[in-house]
Amino acid sequence: MARRQGLSEDDLRLWAAYGRTLSRLMPGRTRLALPPEEPVPASPAPALPPVVVAKPRLARVPAELGLNATPSGLDKAAWKNFRTGKTRVEARLDLHFHTAAKAHHEVRLFLDQAYGSGFRCVEIITGKGEILARELPHWLNAPGLRPLILALAHPHAANTGSVRILLRRRRA
């Protein structure tokens, strides 16, 4: 089988795009020029719009959430199951090695997707570092996320590097 010489146009385009992300090059090296883009033919049918799940509209702004604080609107048995870790976690987000800005973006995206998927209990792992663990409750109480959340708790008293979140149920 004969071996092809050089990179294909797609590979060259990909390599040039990757080279644009590098902050420094080795001495004497230059970035590849991007090959010209081929025009994409117009598709006959319009693309379907993405499905957007409406966030709950609450009659009043909910009170600020506190970690391990009993929320209103949740019975004692459900709160006890959630607080003691008996409620099954359906999704986890690990924020280790994230900057605060990246973590904030990931938290918003994660909770929007979890709520849209109908998840009830999710967990965010911040680690025991000060910054993310301190900032997470502020992010969760922000107006964009607070209507989605019913309660917050650490999964165990000794595990303060993780927060479980009980999401509100989606209403039809």
Protein backbone atom coordinates (compact mmCIF):
# COMPACT_ATOMS: atom_id res chain seq x y z
CA MET A 1 0.00 0.00 0.00
CA ALA A 2 1.46 3.36 -1.03
CA ARG A 3 1.80 5.96 1.68
CA ARG A 4 0.34 9.41 1.00
CA GLN A 5 2.69 12.36 1.26
CA GLY A 6 1.73 15.40 3.34
CA LEU A 7 -1.44 16.28 5.18
CA SER A 8 -4.92 16.46 3.71
CA GLU A 9 -6.66 19.85 3.49
CA ASP A 10 -8.82 18.99 6.51
CA ASP A 11 -5.74 18.02 8.50
CA LEU A 12 -3.94 21.22 7.47
CA ARG A 13 -6.96 23.30 8.48
CA LEU A 14 -7.13 21.53 11.84
CA TRP A 15 -3.39 21.88 12.46
CA ALA A 16 -3.46 25.60 11.55
CA ALA A 17 -6.41 26.18 13.90
CA TYR A 18 -4.55 24.38 16.69
CA GLY A 19 -1.46 26.49 16.02
CA ARG A 20 -3.54 29.63 16.61
CA THR A 21 -4.20 28.49 20.20
CA LEU A 22 -0.49 28.32 21.07
CA SER A 23 0.90 31.33 22.88
CA ARG A 24 4.57 30.67 22.05
CA LEU A 25 6.33 28.90 19.23
CA MET A 26 9.82 27.48 19.09
CA PRO A 27 12.43 29.94 17.75
CA GLY A 28 12.46 30.03 13.97
CA ARG A 29 8.95 28.55 13.62
CA THR A 30 5.93 30.31 12.14
CA ARG A 31 2.23 29.58 12.25
CA LEU A 32 0.61 27.81 9.31
CA ALA A 33 -1.65 29.97 7.19
CA LEU A 34 -5.26 28.84 7.24
CA PRO A 35 -6.29 27.34 3.87
CA PRO A 36 -9.24 29.14 2.23
CA GLU A 37 -12.63 27.91 3.37
CA GLU A 38 -14.78 26.15 0.82
CA PRO A 39 -18.27 27.63 0.49
CA VAL A 40 -20.89 25.49 2.19
CA PRO A 41 -23.96 24.90 0.01
CA ALA A 42 -27.20 26.20 1.49
CA SER A 43 -29.37 23.46 2.92
CA PRO A 44 -32.92 23.28 1.53
CA ALA A 45 -34.62 22.74 4.89
CA PRO A 46 -34.11 25.04 7.88
CA ALA A 47 -32.45 23.51 10.93
CA LEU A 48 -34.63 22.75 13.92
CA PRO A 49 -34.27 25.20 16.80
CA PRO A 50 -32.76 23.78 20.00
CA VAL A 51 -35.21 22.66 22.66
CA VAL A 52 -35.35 25.19 25.48
CA VAL A 53 -36.86 24.26 28.83
CA ALA A 54 -38.56 27.14 30.60
CA LYS A 55 -37.29 27.87 34.08
CA PRO A 56 -39.89 27.88 36.85
CA ARG A 57 -41.67 31.15 37.49
CA LEU A 58 -42.15 31.64 41.19
CA ALA A 59 -44.75 33.99 42.67
CA ARG A 60 -42.12 35.55 44.91
CA VAL A 61 -38.37 35.57 45.04
CA PRO A 62 -37.28 32.62 47.19
CA ALA A 63 -35.24 33.25 50.31
CA GLU A 64 -31.49 32.78 50.14
CA LEU A 65 -30.41 29.18 50.49
CA GLY A 66 -28.10 28.11 53.26
CA LEU A 67 -26.08 24.92 53.35
CA ASN A 68 -27.73 22.27 55.50
CA ALA A 69 -30.62 24.63 56.32
CA THR A 70 -34.10 23.05 56.24
CA PRO A 71 -35.95 24.57 53.27
CA SER A 72 -39.61 25.49 53.24
CA GLY A 73 -41.73 23.39 50.93
CA LEU A 74 -40.02 20.08 51.72
CA ASP A 75 -41.38 17.53 54.19
CA LYS A 76 -39.24 16.17 57.03
CA ALA A 77 -38.80 12.69 55.53
CA ALA A 78 -37.65 14.03 52.15
CA TRP A 79 -35.29 16.50 53.84
CA LYS A 80 -33.82 13.76 56.04
CA ASN A 81 -33.29 11.46 53.03
CA PHE A 82 -31.63 14.27 51.10
CA ARG A 83 -29.48 15.50 53.99
CA THR A 84 -28.27 12.04 54.97
CA GLY A 85 -27.40 11.06 51.40
CA LYS A 86 -30.17 8.52 50.86
CA THR A 87 -31.52 10.45 47.86
CA ARG A 88 -29.72 9.10 44.78
CA VAL A 89 -27.41 11.53 43.01
CA GLU A 90 -28.22 11.55 39.28
CA ALA A 91 -25.29 13.66 38.02
CA ARG A 92 -21.99 15.01 39.36
CA LEU A 93 -19.81 17.95 38.37
CA ASP A 94 -16.18 17.91 39.51
CA LEU A 95 -14.62 21.39 39.66
CA HIS A 96 -11.10 20.32 40.62
CA PHE A 97 -8.45 22.29 38.69
CA HIS A 98 -10.99 24.86 37.42
CA THR A 99 -10.47 28.59 37.72
CA ALA A 100 -13.27 30.49 39.44
CA ALA A 101 -14.54 31.96 36.14
CA LYS A 102 -14.52 28.58 34.37
CA ALA A 103 -16.15 26.90 37.39
CA HIS A 104 -18.93 29.51 37.50
CA HIS A 105 -19.68 28.92 33.82
CA GLU A 106 -19.63 25.14 34.28
CA VAL A 107 -21.98 25.32 37.31
CA ARG A 108 -24.55 27.39 35.40
CA LEU A 109 -24.40 25.09 32.38
CA PHE A 110 -24.51 21.93 34.51
CA LEU A 111 -27.54 23.04 36.54
CA ASP A 112 -29.45 24.24 33.47
CA GLN A 113 -28.84 20.89 31.77
CA ALA A 114 -29.70 18.90 34.90
CA TYR A 115 -32.95 20.80 35.39
CA GLY A 116 -33.77 20.45 31.69
CA SER A 117 -33.16 16.69 31.93
CA GLY A 118 -35.53 16.41 34.87
CA PHE A 119 -32.87 15.41 37.40
CA ARG A 120 -33.86 15.85 41.04
CA CYS A 121 -30.57 15.47 42.97
CA VAL A 122 -27.14 16.49 41.68
CA GLU A 123 -23.76 16.96 43.29
CA ILE A 124 -21.04 19.54 42.73
CA ILE A 125 -17.54 18.67 43.95
CA THR A 126 -15.49 21.78 44.72
CA GLY A 127 -12.72 20.19 46.71
CA LYS A 128 -11.64 21.63 50.01
CA GLY A 129 -10.00 24.70 48.50
CA GLU A 130 -11.26 27.98 49.88
CA ILE A 131 -12.21 29.91 46.76
CA LEU A 132 -14.64 27.60 44.97
CA ALA A 133 -16.17 26.27 48.19
CA ARG A 134 -16.75 29.85 49.36
CA GLU A 135 -18.10 31.11 46.02
CA LEU A 136 -20.44 28.22 45.18
CA PRO A 137 -23.27 29.24 47.57
CA HIS A 138 -23.19 32.77 46.11
CA TRP A 139 -23.46 31.42 42.57
CA LEU A 140 -26.34 29.13 43.54
CA ASN A 141 -28.25 32.02 45.14
CA ALA A 142 -27.89 34.22 42.05
CA PRO A 143 -31.20 35.11 40.36
CA GLY A 144 -30.47 32.93 37.31
CA LEU A 145 -30.06 29.70 39.31
CA ARG A 146 -31.97 30.23 42.56
CA PRO A 147 -35.43 29.42 41.08
CA LEU A 148 -34.15 25.96 40.06
CA ILE A 149 -32.92 24.94 43.52
CA LEU A 150 -34.91 23.72 46.49
CA ALA A 151 -32.18 22.74 48.98
CA LEU A 152 -28.42 22.44 49.54
CA ALA A 153 -26.52 20.09 51.82
CA HIS A 154 -23.12 18.52 52.30
CA PRO A 155 -23.37 14.76 51.73
CA HIS A 156 -21.65 14.16 55.07
CA ALA A 157 -20.61 16.46 57.91
CA ALA A 158 -16.95 15.59 57.33
CA ASN A 159 -17.18 16.12 53.57
CA THR A 160 -17.31 19.88 53.05
CA GLY A 161 -15.67 19.66 49.62
CA SER A 162 -18.93 18.58 48.00
CA VAL A 163 -22.44 20.03 47.87
CA ARG A 164 -25.59 18.14 47.01
CA ILE A 165 -28.33 20.13 45.33
CA LEU A 166 -32.01 19.22 45.36
CA LEU A 167 -33.58 20.69 42.23
CA ARG A 168 -37.22 21.71 41.96
CA ARG A 169 -39.48 19.48 39.93
CA ARG A 170 -40.30 20.64 36.44
CA ARG A 171 -43.94 21.52 35.99
CA ALA A 172 -45.67 20.88 32.69
